[in-house]
């Protein structure tokens, strides 16, 4: 059994679609929704769903940490509240034999524009990087491969709860750290710096929504 952790901020109109597959999957025993001080509070009576709310907005970076830290299962799928799975996504995750120190990334995302960049609607971004460590990441960045920049800037993946917390803890606890919207890049940098790896999972796809109000107040 796994937890789906959903960091949430003012995205109520998208949440029903995000929850659709996790609610129907027996593989998902718990869904954590961590609300970062949204304008309107959300509630759920579904037995799988646990809703937590920050008293004030702490920003996307800290809110993701808090969402994952609430999980009672060891393995967590971190999913942004405006994105959503393909119908077979959780079946693909179920067939992974996960190893500590690796996070498992989708190999493909489908862009779904909602007011940000209509020209990107329907575009498919594919990752074909296999397993990535810090050395390979540096090489990919120096090569200017745009798809790798997409990978490290999306926050949707399957990871061990304790590994994620350990990779994030020092920054989370550093009150002087300049939090900003590129929280996924900060996490990837810290993750790889600590000797961890990224594995791109073939056939694991998701829909990535592009919207003009997607950023937190951080």
N, C-alpha and C. Protein backbone atom coordinates (compact mmCIF):
# COMPACT_ATOMS: atom_id res chain seq x y z
N UNK A 1 0.83 -1.20 0.00
CA UNK A 1 0.00 0.00 0.00
C UNK A 1 0.87 1.25 0.00
N UNK A 2 0.38 2.29 -0.66
CA UNK A 2 1.13 3.54 -0.71
C UNK A 2 0.24 4.72 -0.30
N UNK A 3 0.92 5.83 -0.05
CA UNK A 3 0.25 7.11 0.19
C UNK A 3 0.40 7.98 -1.04
N UNK A 4 -0.64 8.70 -1.40
CA UNK A 4 -0.53 9.78 -2.38
C UNK A 4 -0.57 11.08 -1.59
N UNK A 5 0.51 11.86 -1.69
CA UNK A 5 0.63 13.12 -0.96
C UNK A 5 0.40 14.27 -1.93
N UNK A 6 -0.56 15.13 -1.61
CA UNK A 6 -0.96 16.21 -2.50
C UNK A 6 -0.77 17.55 -1.80
N UNK A 7 0.29 18.30 -2.12
CA UNK A 7 0.42 19.66 -1.62
C UNK A 7 -0.59 20.54 -2.37
N UNK A 8 -1.33 21.33 -1.62
CA UNK A 8 -2.51 22.00 -2.20
C UNK A 8 -2.49 23.49 -1.88
N UNK A 9 -2.85 24.30 -2.89
CA UNK A 9 -3.03 25.73 -2.66
C UNK A 9 -3.98 26.31 -3.70
N UNK A 10 -5.18 26.67 -3.28
CA UNK A 10 -6.16 27.34 -4.14
C UNK A 10 -6.37 26.66 -5.49
N UNK A 11 -6.49 25.37 -5.51
CA UNK A 11 -6.69 24.65 -6.78
C UNK A 11 -7.91 23.74 -6.70
N UNK A 12 -8.94 24.24 -6.06
CA UNK A 12 -10.15 23.44 -5.82
C UNK A 12 -10.78 22.94 -7.11
N UNK A 13 -10.76 23.75 -8.16
CA UNK A 13 -11.43 23.37 -9.41
C UNK A 13 -10.78 22.15 -10.07
N UNK A 14 -9.52 21.85 -9.70
CA UNK A 14 -8.81 20.73 -10.31
C UNK A 14 -8.77 19.48 -9.44
N UNK A 15 -9.11 19.63 -8.18
CA UNK A 15 -8.85 18.56 -7.21
C UNK A 15 -9.65 17.29 -7.48
N UNK A 16 -10.87 17.43 -7.95
CA UNK A 16 -11.69 16.24 -8.22
C UNK A 16 -11.01 15.33 -9.24
N UNK A 17 -10.44 15.92 -10.30
CA UNK A 17 -9.75 15.13 -11.31
C UNK A 17 -8.48 14.51 -10.74
N UNK A 18 -7.76 15.26 -9.92
CA UNK A 18 -6.52 14.75 -9.30
C UNK A 18 -6.80 13.54 -8.43
N UNK A 19 -7.92 13.56 -7.71
CA UNK A 19 -8.25 12.50 -6.76
C UNK A 19 -8.91 11.28 -7.40
N UNK A 20 -9.36 11.42 -8.61
CA UNK A 20 -10.18 10.39 -9.25
C UNK A 20 -9.55 8.99 -9.18
N UNK A 21 -8.34 8.85 -9.67
CA UNK A 21 -7.69 7.54 -9.69
C UNK A 21 -7.25 7.07 -8.31
N UNK A 22 -6.58 7.92 -7.50
CA UNK A 22 -6.18 7.46 -6.16
C UNK A 22 -7.36 6.99 -5.29
N UNK A 23 -8.50 7.63 -5.42
CA UNK A 23 -9.66 7.22 -4.62
C UNK A 23 -10.18 5.84 -5.03
N UNK A 24 -10.04 5.51 -6.31
CA UNK A 24 -10.59 4.25 -6.80
C UNK A 24 -9.60 3.09 -6.72
N UNK A 25 -8.33 3.39 -6.41
CA UNK A 25 -7.29 2.36 -6.42
C UNK A 25 -7.14 1.69 -5.05
N UNK A 26 -7.17 0.36 -5.04
CA UNK A 26 -6.94 -0.38 -3.79
C UNK A 26 -5.47 -0.31 -3.37
N UNK A 27 -4.59 0.03 -4.29
CA UNK A 27 -3.17 0.15 -4.01
C UNK A 27 -2.87 1.38 -3.15
N UNK A 28 -3.74 2.37 -3.21
CA UNK A 28 -3.60 3.60 -2.43
C UNK A 28 -4.47 3.49 -1.18
N UNK A 29 -3.83 3.42 -0.01
CA UNK A 29 -4.60 3.30 1.23
C UNK A 29 -4.79 4.64 1.93
N UNK A 30 -4.06 5.66 1.48
CA UNK A 30 -4.08 6.94 2.18
C UNK A 30 -3.81 8.07 1.19
N UNK A 31 -4.57 9.14 1.31
CA UNK A 31 -4.34 10.34 0.51
C UNK A 31 -4.20 11.52 1.48
N UNK A 32 -3.04 12.14 1.45
CA UNK A 32 -2.77 13.32 2.28
C UNK A 32 -2.95 14.57 1.42
N UNK A 33 -3.85 15.45 1.81
CA UNK A 33 -3.98 16.76 1.17
C UNK A 33 -3.49 17.79 2.17
N UNK A 34 -2.42 18.49 1.81
CA UNK A 34 -1.84 19.47 2.73
C UNK A 34 -2.07 20.87 2.18
N UNK A 35 -3.01 21.58 2.78
CA UNK A 35 -3.46 22.89 2.31
C UNK A 35 -2.57 23.99 2.86
N UNK A 36 -1.99 24.78 1.96
CA UNK A 36 -1.05 25.83 2.35
C UNK A 36 -1.77 27.17 2.57
N UNK A 37 -2.80 27.15 3.41
CA UNK A 37 -3.50 28.38 3.76
C UNK A 37 -4.33 28.95 2.62
N UNK A 38 -5.07 28.08 1.92
CA UNK A 38 -5.89 28.53 0.80
C UNK A 38 -6.99 29.49 1.25
N UNK A 39 -7.52 30.22 0.28
CA UNK A 39 -8.61 31.17 0.56
C UNK A 39 -9.82 30.44 1.11
N UNK A 40 -10.17 29.33 0.49
CA UNK A 40 -11.32 28.53 0.94
C UNK A 40 -10.82 27.19 1.45
N UNK A 41 -11.18 26.85 2.67
CA UNK A 41 -10.77 25.56 3.24
C UNK A 41 -11.48 24.42 2.53
N UNK A 42 -10.78 23.30 2.39
CA UNK A 42 -11.38 22.12 1.78
C UNK A 42 -11.64 21.08 2.86
N UNK A 43 -12.66 20.26 2.61
CA UNK A 43 -13.01 19.20 3.54
C UNK A 43 -13.28 17.92 2.77
N UNK A 44 -13.13 16.79 3.43
CA UNK A 44 -13.45 15.50 2.81
C UNK A 44 -13.88 14.53 3.89
N UNK A 45 -14.93 13.78 3.60
CA UNK A 45 -15.39 12.74 4.52
C UNK A 45 -14.97 11.36 4.07
N UNK A 46 -14.21 11.27 2.99
CA UNK A 46 -13.78 9.97 2.48
C UNK A 46 -12.77 9.36 3.45
N UNK A 47 -12.93 8.07 3.78
CA UNK A 47 -12.03 7.45 4.78
C UNK A 47 -10.56 7.42 4.38
N UNK A 48 -10.26 7.46 3.09
CA UNK A 48 -8.86 7.47 2.65
C UNK A 48 -8.20 8.83 2.83
N UNK A 49 -8.99 9.89 2.85
CA UNK A 49 -8.45 11.24 2.72
C UNK A 49 -8.23 11.88 4.09
N UNK A 50 -7.03 12.43 4.27
CA UNK A 50 -6.71 13.20 5.46
C UNK A 50 -6.31 14.60 5.01
N UNK A 51 -7.00 15.61 5.54
CA UNK A 51 -6.73 16.99 5.15
C UNK A 51 -6.03 17.72 6.29
N UNK A 52 -4.90 18.33 5.98
CA UNK A 52 -4.16 19.16 6.94
C UNK A 52 -4.09 20.58 6.37
N UNK A 53 -4.02 21.56 7.25
CA UNK A 53 -4.02 22.95 6.79
C UNK A 53 -3.01 23.77 7.57
N UNK A 54 -2.14 24.49 6.84
CA UNK A 54 -1.23 25.44 7.47
C UNK A 54 -2.00 26.68 7.89
N UNK A 55 -1.67 27.23 9.04
CA UNK A 55 -2.34 28.44 9.51
C UNK A 55 -2.02 29.62 8.61
N UNK A 56 -0.83 29.63 8.03
CA UNK A 56 -0.46 30.68 7.09
C UNK A 56 0.35 30.04 5.97
N UNK A 57 0.43 30.70 4.83
CA UNK A 57 1.12 30.17 3.66
C UNK A 57 2.62 30.06 3.93
N UNK A 58 3.17 28.86 3.73
CA UNK A 58 4.60 28.64 3.96
C UNK A 58 5.36 28.44 2.66
N UNK A 59 4.67 28.38 1.53
CA UNK A 59 5.32 28.20 0.24
C UNK A 59 5.36 26.74 -0.20
N UNK A 60 5.50 26.54 -1.50
CA UNK A 60 5.41 25.19 -2.08
C UNK A 60 6.47 24.25 -1.52
N UNK A 61 7.68 24.74 -1.34
CA UNK A 61 8.78 23.87 -0.89
C UNK A 61 8.46 23.26 0.47
N UNK A 62 8.13 24.09 1.44
CA UNK A 62 7.85 23.58 2.79
C UNK A 62 6.56 22.77 2.81
N UNK A 63 5.57 23.17 2.02
CA UNK A 63 4.30 22.46 2.05
C UNK A 63 4.43 21.04 1.52
N UNK A 64 5.30 20.84 0.52
CA UNK A 64 5.53 19.48 0.03
C UNK A 64 6.19 18.62 1.10
N UNK A 65 7.15 19.19 1.78
CA UNK A 65 7.80 18.47 2.88
C UNK A 65 6.77 18.06 3.93
N UNK A 66 5.91 18.97 4.31
CA UNK A 66 4.90 18.68 5.33
C UNK A 66 3.92 17.61 4.85
N UNK A 67 3.54 17.66 3.57
CA UNK A 67 2.62 16.66 3.03
C UNK A 67 3.20 15.26 3.11
N UNK A 68 4.45 15.11 2.68
CA UNK A 68 5.10 13.80 2.70
C UNK A 68 5.33 13.34 4.15
N UNK A 69 5.68 14.25 5.03
CA UNK A 69 5.97 13.88 6.42
C UNK A 69 4.75 13.34 7.16
N UNK A 70 3.55 13.64 6.66
CA UNK A 70 2.33 13.14 7.32
C UNK A 70 1.98 11.71 6.91
N UNK A 71 2.65 11.18 5.89
CA UNK A 71 2.32 9.85 5.37
C UNK A 71 2.61 8.77 6.40
N UNK A 72 1.70 7.81 6.53
CA UNK A 72 1.92 6.67 7.42
C UNK A 72 2.49 5.46 6.68
N UNK A 73 2.40 5.46 5.35
CA UNK A 73 3.05 4.42 4.55
C UNK A 73 4.48 4.83 4.24
N UNK A 74 5.35 3.84 4.02
CA UNK A 74 6.75 4.13 3.73
C UNK A 74 6.94 4.74 2.34
N UNK A 75 6.16 4.29 1.37
CA UNK A 75 6.33 4.76 0.00
C UNK A 75 5.20 5.70 -0.36
N UNK A 76 5.60 6.82 -0.99
CA UNK A 76 4.68 7.93 -1.23
C UNK A 76 4.77 8.37 -2.69
N UNK A 77 3.62 8.61 -3.29
CA UNK A 77 3.61 9.26 -4.59
C UNK A 77 3.25 10.73 -4.35
N UNK A 78 4.18 11.61 -4.68
CA UNK A 78 3.96 13.05 -4.53
C UNK A 78 3.33 13.56 -5.82
N UNK A 79 2.14 14.16 -5.71
CA UNK A 79 1.38 14.58 -6.89
C UNK A 79 0.84 15.98 -6.67
N UNK A 80 1.20 16.92 -7.55
CA UNK A 80 0.68 18.28 -7.43
C UNK A 80 -0.84 18.28 -7.58
N UNK A 81 -1.49 19.21 -6.91
CA UNK A 81 -2.95 19.18 -6.79
C UNK A 81 -3.68 19.54 -8.08
N UNK A 82 -2.97 20.04 -9.09
CA UNK A 82 -3.63 20.36 -10.36
C UNK A 82 -3.25 19.37 -11.46
N UNK A 83 -2.40 18.40 -11.16
CA UNK A 83 -2.03 17.38 -12.14
C UNK A 83 -2.83 16.11 -11.90
N UNK A 84 -2.77 15.17 -12.85
CA UNK A 84 -3.56 13.95 -12.67
C UNK A 84 -2.95 12.79 -13.45
N UNK A 85 -3.21 11.59 -12.93
CA UNK A 85 -2.66 10.36 -13.47
C UNK A 85 -3.33 9.94 -14.78
N UNK A 86 -2.63 9.11 -15.55
CA UNK A 86 -3.25 8.32 -16.59
C UNK A 86 -3.97 7.14 -15.93
N UNK A 87 -4.89 6.50 -16.66
CA UNK A 87 -5.69 5.43 -16.08
C UNK A 87 -4.86 4.27 -15.55
N UNK A 88 -3.71 3.99 -16.18
CA UNK A 88 -2.90 2.85 -15.76
C UNK A 88 -1.70 3.24 -14.90
N UNK A 89 -1.60 4.51 -14.51
CA UNK A 89 -0.40 4.99 -13.83
C UNK A 89 -0.11 4.23 -12.54
N UNK A 90 -1.11 4.01 -11.72
CA UNK A 90 -0.87 3.34 -10.44
C UNK A 90 -0.59 1.86 -10.62
N UNK A 91 -1.09 1.26 -11.71
CA UNK A 91 -0.72 -0.13 -12.01
C UNK A 91 0.77 -0.22 -12.34
N UNK A 92 1.28 0.78 -13.06
CA UNK A 92 2.71 0.82 -13.37
C UNK A 92 3.52 0.98 -12.09
N UNK A 93 3.10 1.89 -11.21
CA UNK A 93 3.80 2.10 -9.94
C UNK A 93 3.79 0.82 -9.11
N UNK A 94 2.68 0.11 -9.12
CA UNK A 94 2.55 -1.12 -8.34
C UNK A 94 3.57 -2.17 -8.76
N UNK A 95 3.98 -2.14 -10.01
CA UNK A 95 4.93 -3.13 -10.53
C UNK A 95 6.40 -2.73 -10.35
N UNK A 96 6.65 -1.55 -9.78
CA UNK A 96 8.01 -1.14 -9.48
C UNK A 96 8.52 -1.93 -8.28
N UNK A 97 9.75 -2.36 -8.31
CA UNK A 97 10.40 -2.95 -7.14
C UNK A 97 11.31 -1.87 -6.55
N UNK A 98 10.77 -1.02 -5.69
CA UNK A 98 11.50 0.20 -5.29
C UNK A 98 12.69 -0.07 -4.39
N UNK A 99 13.70 0.74 -4.57
CA UNK A 99 14.91 0.67 -3.76
C UNK A 99 15.11 2.00 -3.05
N UNK A 100 15.57 1.94 -1.81
CA UNK A 100 15.87 3.16 -1.09
C UNK A 100 16.96 3.95 -1.81
N UNK A 101 16.90 5.27 -1.71
CA UNK A 101 17.89 6.11 -2.34
C UNK A 101 17.62 6.42 -3.79
N UNK A 102 16.48 5.97 -4.31
CA UNK A 102 16.08 6.26 -5.68
C UNK A 102 14.67 6.80 -5.67
N UNK A 103 14.43 7.88 -6.44
CA UNK A 103 13.03 8.25 -6.66
C UNK A 103 12.68 7.93 -8.09
N UNK A 104 11.41 7.58 -8.29
CA UNK A 104 10.94 7.04 -9.55
C UNK A 104 10.09 8.08 -10.27
N UNK A 105 10.60 8.49 -11.43
CA UNK A 105 9.98 9.57 -12.18
C UNK A 105 9.16 9.03 -13.35
N UNK A 106 8.04 9.68 -13.66
CA UNK A 106 7.35 9.34 -14.92
C UNK A 106 8.28 9.55 -16.10
N UNK A 107 8.04 8.81 -17.16
CA UNK A 107 8.86 8.94 -18.36
C UNK A 107 8.23 9.88 -19.38
N UNK A 108 7.01 10.31 -19.09
CA UNK A 108 6.31 11.11 -20.08
C UNK A 108 5.26 11.96 -19.39
N UNK A 109 5.18 13.23 -19.80
CA UNK A 109 4.10 14.08 -19.31
C UNK A 109 3.38 14.71 -20.49
N UNK A 110 2.07 14.85 -20.34
CA UNK A 110 1.24 15.44 -21.37
C UNK A 110 0.76 16.79 -20.85
N UNK A 111 1.03 17.85 -21.60
CA UNK A 111 0.73 19.20 -21.15
C UNK A 111 -0.74 19.54 -21.42
N UNK A 112 -1.37 20.07 -20.40
CA UNK A 112 -2.80 20.41 -20.44
C UNK A 112 -2.91 21.90 -20.07
N UNK A 113 -3.04 22.76 -21.07
CA UNK A 113 -3.03 24.20 -20.81
C UNK A 113 -4.36 24.68 -20.22
N UNK A 114 -4.23 25.51 -19.19
CA UNK A 114 -5.41 26.13 -18.58
C UNK A 114 -5.13 27.61 -18.34
N UNK A 115 -4.78 28.28 -19.40
CA UNK A 115 -4.63 29.72 -19.34
C UNK A 115 -3.22 30.24 -19.23
N UNK A 116 -2.22 29.39 -19.38
CA UNK A 116 -0.84 29.85 -19.28
C UNK A 116 -0.18 29.98 -20.64
N UNK A 117 -0.18 28.89 -21.41
CA UNK A 117 0.49 28.89 -22.71
C UNK A 117 -0.23 27.94 -23.66
N UNK A 118 -1.21 28.47 -24.37
CA UNK A 118 -2.06 27.63 -25.22
C UNK A 118 -1.27 26.87 -26.27
N UNK A 119 -0.16 27.43 -26.73
CA UNK A 119 0.63 26.77 -27.77
C UNK A 119 1.23 25.46 -27.30
N UNK A 120 1.32 25.27 -25.98
CA UNK A 120 1.89 24.04 -25.44
C UNK A 120 0.84 22.95 -25.19
N UNK A 121 -0.44 23.30 -25.30
CA UNK A 121 -1.50 22.33 -25.01
C UNK A 121 -1.38 21.10 -25.90
N UNK A 122 -1.40 19.94 -25.27
CA UNK A 122 -1.31 18.68 -26.02
C UNK A 122 0.10 18.21 -26.30
N UNK A 123 1.09 19.05 -26.00
CA UNK A 123 2.47 18.64 -26.24
C UNK A 123 2.86 17.51 -25.29
N UNK A 124 3.64 16.57 -25.79
CA UNK A 124 4.13 15.46 -24.99
C UNK A 124 5.63 15.64 -24.76
N UNK A 125 6.05 15.60 -23.51
CA UNK A 125 7.46 15.68 -23.16
C UNK A 125 7.90 14.30 -22.68
N UNK A 126 8.90 13.72 -23.34
CA UNK A 126 9.36 12.37 -23.03
C UNK A 126 10.75 12.41 -22.41
N UNK A 127 10.96 11.56 -21.42
CA UNK A 127 12.27 11.41 -20.79
C UNK A 127 12.81 10.03 -21.13
N UNK A 128 14.05 9.99 -21.58
CA UNK A 128 14.68 8.71 -21.91
C UNK A 128 16.09 8.71 -21.33
N UNK A 129 16.17 8.86 -20.00
CA UNK A 129 17.45 9.02 -19.35
C UNK A 129 17.88 7.81 -18.53
N UNK A 130 17.01 6.82 -18.38
CA UNK A 130 17.36 5.67 -17.56
C UNK A 130 17.54 6.07 -16.11
N UNK A 131 18.69 5.72 -15.54
CA UNK A 131 19.01 6.07 -14.15
C UNK A 131 19.97 7.26 -14.16
N UNK A 132 19.65 8.26 -13.34
CA UNK A 132 20.43 9.50 -13.30
C UNK A 132 21.05 9.68 -11.92
N UNK A 133 22.39 9.83 -11.87
CA UNK A 133 23.06 10.24 -10.64
C UNK A 133 23.56 11.66 -10.83
N UNK A 134 24.31 12.20 -9.86
CA UNK A 134 24.72 13.59 -9.95
C UNK A 134 25.63 13.85 -11.14
N UNK A 135 26.50 12.91 -11.46
CA UNK A 135 27.41 13.08 -12.59
C UNK A 135 26.65 13.13 -13.90
N UNK A 136 25.70 12.22 -14.07
CA UNK A 136 24.91 12.20 -15.30
C UNK A 136 24.03 13.44 -15.40
N UNK A 137 23.49 13.90 -14.25
CA UNK A 137 22.67 15.10 -14.25
C UNK A 137 23.47 16.30 -14.73
N UNK A 138 24.70 16.42 -14.25
CA UNK A 138 25.55 17.53 -14.67
C UNK A 138 25.80 17.48 -16.17
N UNK A 139 26.06 16.29 -16.69
CA UNK A 139 26.30 16.12 -18.12
C UNK A 139 25.06 16.50 -18.93
N UNK A 140 23.89 16.08 -18.47
CA UNK A 140 22.65 16.39 -19.18
C UNK A 140 22.37 17.89 -19.19
N UNK A 141 22.64 18.54 -18.07
CA UNK A 141 22.43 19.98 -18.00
C UNK A 141 23.40 20.73 -18.90
N UNK A 142 24.65 20.30 -18.91
CA UNK A 142 25.66 20.95 -19.76
C UNK A 142 25.36 20.74 -21.24
N UNK A 143 24.69 19.63 -21.55
CA UNK A 143 24.34 19.34 -22.93
C UNK A 143 23.13 20.16 -23.40
N UNK A 144 22.46 20.80 -22.44
CA UNK A 144 21.32 21.65 -22.77
C UNK A 144 20.10 20.89 -23.25
N UNK A 145 19.92 19.68 -22.75
CA UNK A 145 18.77 18.87 -23.15
C UNK A 145 17.52 19.37 -22.42
N UNK A 146 16.60 19.96 -23.16
CA UNK A 146 15.43 20.59 -22.56
C UNK A 146 14.55 19.65 -21.78
N UNK A 147 14.47 18.40 -22.24
CA UNK A 147 13.62 17.43 -21.54
C UNK A 147 14.10 17.18 -20.11
N UNK A 148 15.41 17.24 -19.90
CA UNK A 148 15.92 17.03 -18.54
C UNK A 148 15.53 18.20 -17.64
N UNK A 149 15.49 19.40 -18.21
CA UNK A 149 15.04 20.55 -17.44
C UNK A 149 13.58 20.41 -17.02
N UNK A 150 12.77 19.81 -17.89
CA UNK A 150 11.39 19.53 -17.52
C UNK A 150 11.35 18.54 -16.35
N UNK A 151 12.17 17.51 -16.42
CA UNK A 151 12.15 16.47 -15.39
C UNK A 151 12.46 17.04 -14.02
N UNK A 152 13.50 17.85 -13.91
CA UNK A 152 13.91 18.35 -12.60
C UNK A 152 13.04 19.51 -12.12
N UNK A 153 12.12 19.97 -12.98
CA UNK A 153 11.25 21.07 -12.59
C UNK A 153 9.81 20.62 -12.38
N UNK A 154 9.59 19.30 -12.36
CA UNK A 154 8.25 18.79 -12.05
C UNK A 154 8.31 18.00 -10.75
N UNK A 155 7.31 18.18 -9.93
CA UNK A 155 7.34 17.61 -8.59
C UNK A 155 6.46 16.39 -8.42
N UNK A 156 6.37 15.55 -9.43
CA UNK A 156 5.50 14.37 -9.37
C UNK A 156 6.34 13.11 -9.52
N UNK A 157 6.43 12.32 -8.44
CA UNK A 157 7.26 11.12 -8.49
C UNK A 157 6.96 10.24 -7.29
N UNK A 158 7.53 9.02 -7.32
CA UNK A 158 7.34 7.99 -6.30
C UNK A 158 8.62 7.89 -5.50
N UNK A 159 8.53 7.97 -4.16
CA UNK A 159 9.73 8.07 -3.35
C UNK A 159 9.48 7.49 -1.95
N UNK A 160 10.55 7.03 -1.31
CA UNK A 160 10.42 6.59 0.08
C UNK A 160 10.28 7.82 0.98
N UNK A 161 9.32 7.77 1.86
CA UNK A 161 9.03 8.90 2.75
C UNK A 161 10.26 9.40 3.49
N UNK A 162 11.01 8.49 4.10
CA UNK A 162 12.14 8.90 4.93
C UNK A 162 13.29 9.46 4.10
N UNK A 163 13.49 8.92 2.89
CA UNK A 163 14.53 9.45 2.01
C UNK A 163 14.21 10.88 1.60
N UNK A 164 12.95 11.13 1.28
CA UNK A 164 12.53 12.48 0.89
C UNK A 164 12.74 13.46 2.04
N UNK A 165 12.30 13.06 3.22
CA UNK A 165 12.43 13.94 4.39
C UNK A 165 13.90 14.23 4.68
N UNK A 166 14.75 13.21 4.59
CA UNK A 166 16.17 13.40 4.85
C UNK A 166 16.80 14.36 3.84
N UNK A 167 16.40 14.24 2.57
CA UNK A 167 16.96 15.11 1.54
C UNK A 167 16.51 16.55 1.69
N UNK A 168 15.34 16.75 2.27
CA UNK A 168 14.76 18.09 2.39
C UNK A 168 15.02 18.75 3.73
N UNK A 169 15.36 17.95 4.75
CA UNK A 169 15.32 18.46 6.13
C UNK A 169 16.20 19.68 6.37
N UNK A 170 17.44 19.63 5.89
CA UNK A 170 18.35 20.73 6.21
C UNK A 170 17.87 22.05 5.62
N UNK A 171 17.29 22.01 4.41
CA UNK A 171 16.76 23.24 3.82
C UNK A 171 15.46 23.65 4.51
N UNK A 172 14.63 22.66 4.82
CA UNK A 172 13.36 22.95 5.49
C UNK A 172 13.59 23.67 6.82
N UNK A 173 14.62 23.25 7.53
CA UNK A 173 14.88 23.81 8.86
C UNK A 173 15.71 25.08 8.82
N UNK A 174 16.20 25.46 7.65
CA UNK A 174 17.03 26.66 7.51
C UNK A 174 16.13 27.87 7.28
N UNK A 175 15.89 28.66 8.32
CA UNK A 175 14.96 29.79 8.21
C UNK A 175 15.49 30.89 7.30
N UNK A 176 16.78 30.87 7.00
CA UNK A 176 17.36 31.90 6.14
C UNK A 176 17.31 31.54 4.66
N UNK A 177 16.89 30.30 4.36
CA UNK A 177 16.91 29.85 2.97
C UNK A 177 15.89 30.62 2.14
N UNK A 178 16.27 31.11 0.96
CA UNK A 178 15.35 31.91 0.12
C UNK A 178 14.39 31.02 -0.67
N UNK A 179 13.26 30.67 -0.08
CA UNK A 179 12.30 29.81 -0.77
C UNK A 179 11.74 30.52 -1.99
N UNK A 180 11.51 29.78 -3.05
CA UNK A 180 10.99 30.37 -4.27
C UNK A 180 10.23 29.30 -5.05
N UNK A 181 9.67 29.70 -6.21
CA UNK A 181 8.76 28.81 -6.92
C UNK A 181 9.43 27.55 -7.46
N UNK A 182 10.73 27.58 -7.72
CA UNK A 182 11.41 26.43 -8.32
C UNK A 182 11.76 25.38 -7.27
N UNK A 183 10.76 25.01 -6.46
CA UNK A 183 10.98 24.09 -5.35
C UNK A 183 11.44 22.72 -5.84
N UNK A 184 10.95 22.28 -7.00
CA UNK A 184 11.33 20.96 -7.51
C UNK A 184 12.80 20.90 -7.87
N UNK A 185 13.32 21.98 -8.45
CA UNK A 185 14.73 22.03 -8.81
C UNK A 185 15.61 21.99 -7.56
N UNK A 186 15.19 22.74 -6.54
CA UNK A 186 15.94 22.74 -5.28
C UNK A 186 15.98 21.34 -4.69
N UNK A 187 14.85 20.65 -4.71
CA UNK A 187 14.81 19.29 -4.18
C UNK A 187 15.74 18.37 -4.97
N UNK A 188 15.65 18.41 -6.32
CA UNK A 188 16.48 17.52 -7.14
C UNK A 188 17.97 17.76 -6.89
N UNK A 189 18.34 19.03 -6.77
CA UNK A 189 19.75 19.35 -6.50
C UNK A 189 20.18 18.72 -5.18
N UNK A 190 19.38 18.91 -4.15
CA UNK A 190 19.73 18.39 -2.84
C UNK A 190 19.71 16.86 -2.84
N UNK A 191 18.77 16.28 -3.54
CA UNK A 191 18.62 14.82 -3.63
C UNK A 191 19.87 14.18 -4.24
N UNK A 192 20.29 14.72 -5.38
CA UNK A 192 21.45 14.15 -6.08
C UNK A 192 22.75 14.44 -5.33
N UNK A 193 22.83 15.61 -4.72
CA UNK A 193 24.03 15.98 -3.96
C UNK A 193 24.30 15.01 -2.83
N UNK A 194 23.24 14.42 -2.29
CA UNK A 194 23.39 13.48 -1.18
C UNK A 194 23.67 12.06 -1.64
N UNK A 195 23.91 11.88 -2.94
CA UNK A 195 24.27 10.56 -3.46
C UNK A 195 23.10 9.71 -3.89
N UNK A 196 21.91 10.27 -3.94
CA UNK A 196 20.72 9.54 -4.38
C UNK A 196 20.62 9.53 -5.90
N UNK A 197 19.63 8.80 -6.42
CA UNK A 197 19.46 8.66 -7.86
C UNK A 197 18.01 8.91 -8.27
N UNK A 198 17.83 9.15 -9.55
CA UNK A 198 16.52 9.26 -10.18
C UNK A 198 16.41 8.14 -11.20
N UNK A 199 15.31 7.41 -11.19
CA UNK A 199 15.07 6.39 -12.21
C UNK A 199 13.81 6.74 -12.98
N UNK A 200 13.95 6.86 -14.28
CA UNK A 200 12.81 7.15 -15.16
C UNK A 200 12.09 5.83 -15.46
N UNK A 201 10.79 5.79 -15.19
CA UNK A 201 10.01 4.55 -15.32
C UNK A 201 9.23 4.55 -16.63
N UNK A 202 9.58 3.60 -17.47
CA UNK A 202 8.89 3.46 -18.75
C UNK A 202 7.39 3.21 -18.53
N UNK A 203 6.56 3.84 -19.32
CA UNK A 203 5.10 3.69 -19.30
C UNK A 203 4.42 4.37 -18.12
N UNK A 204 5.19 5.07 -17.28
CA UNK A 204 4.56 5.84 -16.21
C UNK A 204 4.38 7.28 -16.72
N UNK A 205 3.13 7.65 -16.95
CA UNK A 205 2.80 8.94 -17.55
C UNK A 205 1.85 9.71 -16.63
N UNK A 206 1.85 11.03 -16.79
CA UNK A 206 0.85 11.83 -16.10
C UNK A 206 0.55 13.09 -16.90
N UNK A 207 -0.54 13.75 -16.53
CA UNK A 207 -0.96 14.98 -17.18
C UNK A 207 -0.52 16.17 -16.34
N UNK A 208 0.20 17.08 -16.96
CA UNK A 208 0.77 18.23 -16.27
C UNK A 208 0.01 19.49 -16.70
N UNK A 209 -0.71 20.08 -15.76
CA UNK A 209 -1.54 21.24 -16.08
C UNK A 209 -0.71 22.53 -16.05
N UNK A 210 -0.90 23.35 -17.06
CA UNK A 210 -0.23 24.64 -17.14
C UNK A 210 -1.26 25.73 -16.84
N UNK A 211 -1.09 26.43 -15.72
CA UNK A 211 -2.07 27.46 -15.36
C UNK A 211 -1.37 28.70 -14.83
N UNK A 212 -1.98 29.82 -15.08
CA UNK A 212 -1.34 31.09 -14.78
C UNK A 212 -1.23 31.37 -13.29
N UNK A 213 -2.09 30.74 -12.47
CA UNK A 213 -2.06 30.99 -11.02
C UNK A 213 -1.52 29.79 -10.24
N UNK A 214 -0.57 29.08 -10.84
CA UNK A 214 -0.07 27.84 -10.22
C UNK A 214 0.92 28.08 -9.10
N UNK A 215 1.50 29.26 -9.01
CA UNK A 215 2.52 29.51 -8.00
C UNK A 215 1.92 29.79 -6.64
N UNK A 216 2.66 29.43 -5.60
CA UNK A 216 2.25 29.73 -4.25
C UNK A 216 2.58 31.18 -3.92
N UNK A 217 2.35 31.57 -2.69
CA UNK A 217 2.66 32.93 -2.26
C UNK A 217 4.11 33.08 -1.83
N UNK A 218 4.92 32.01 -1.98
CA UNK A 218 6.30 32.07 -1.48
C UNK A 218 7.10 33.13 -2.24
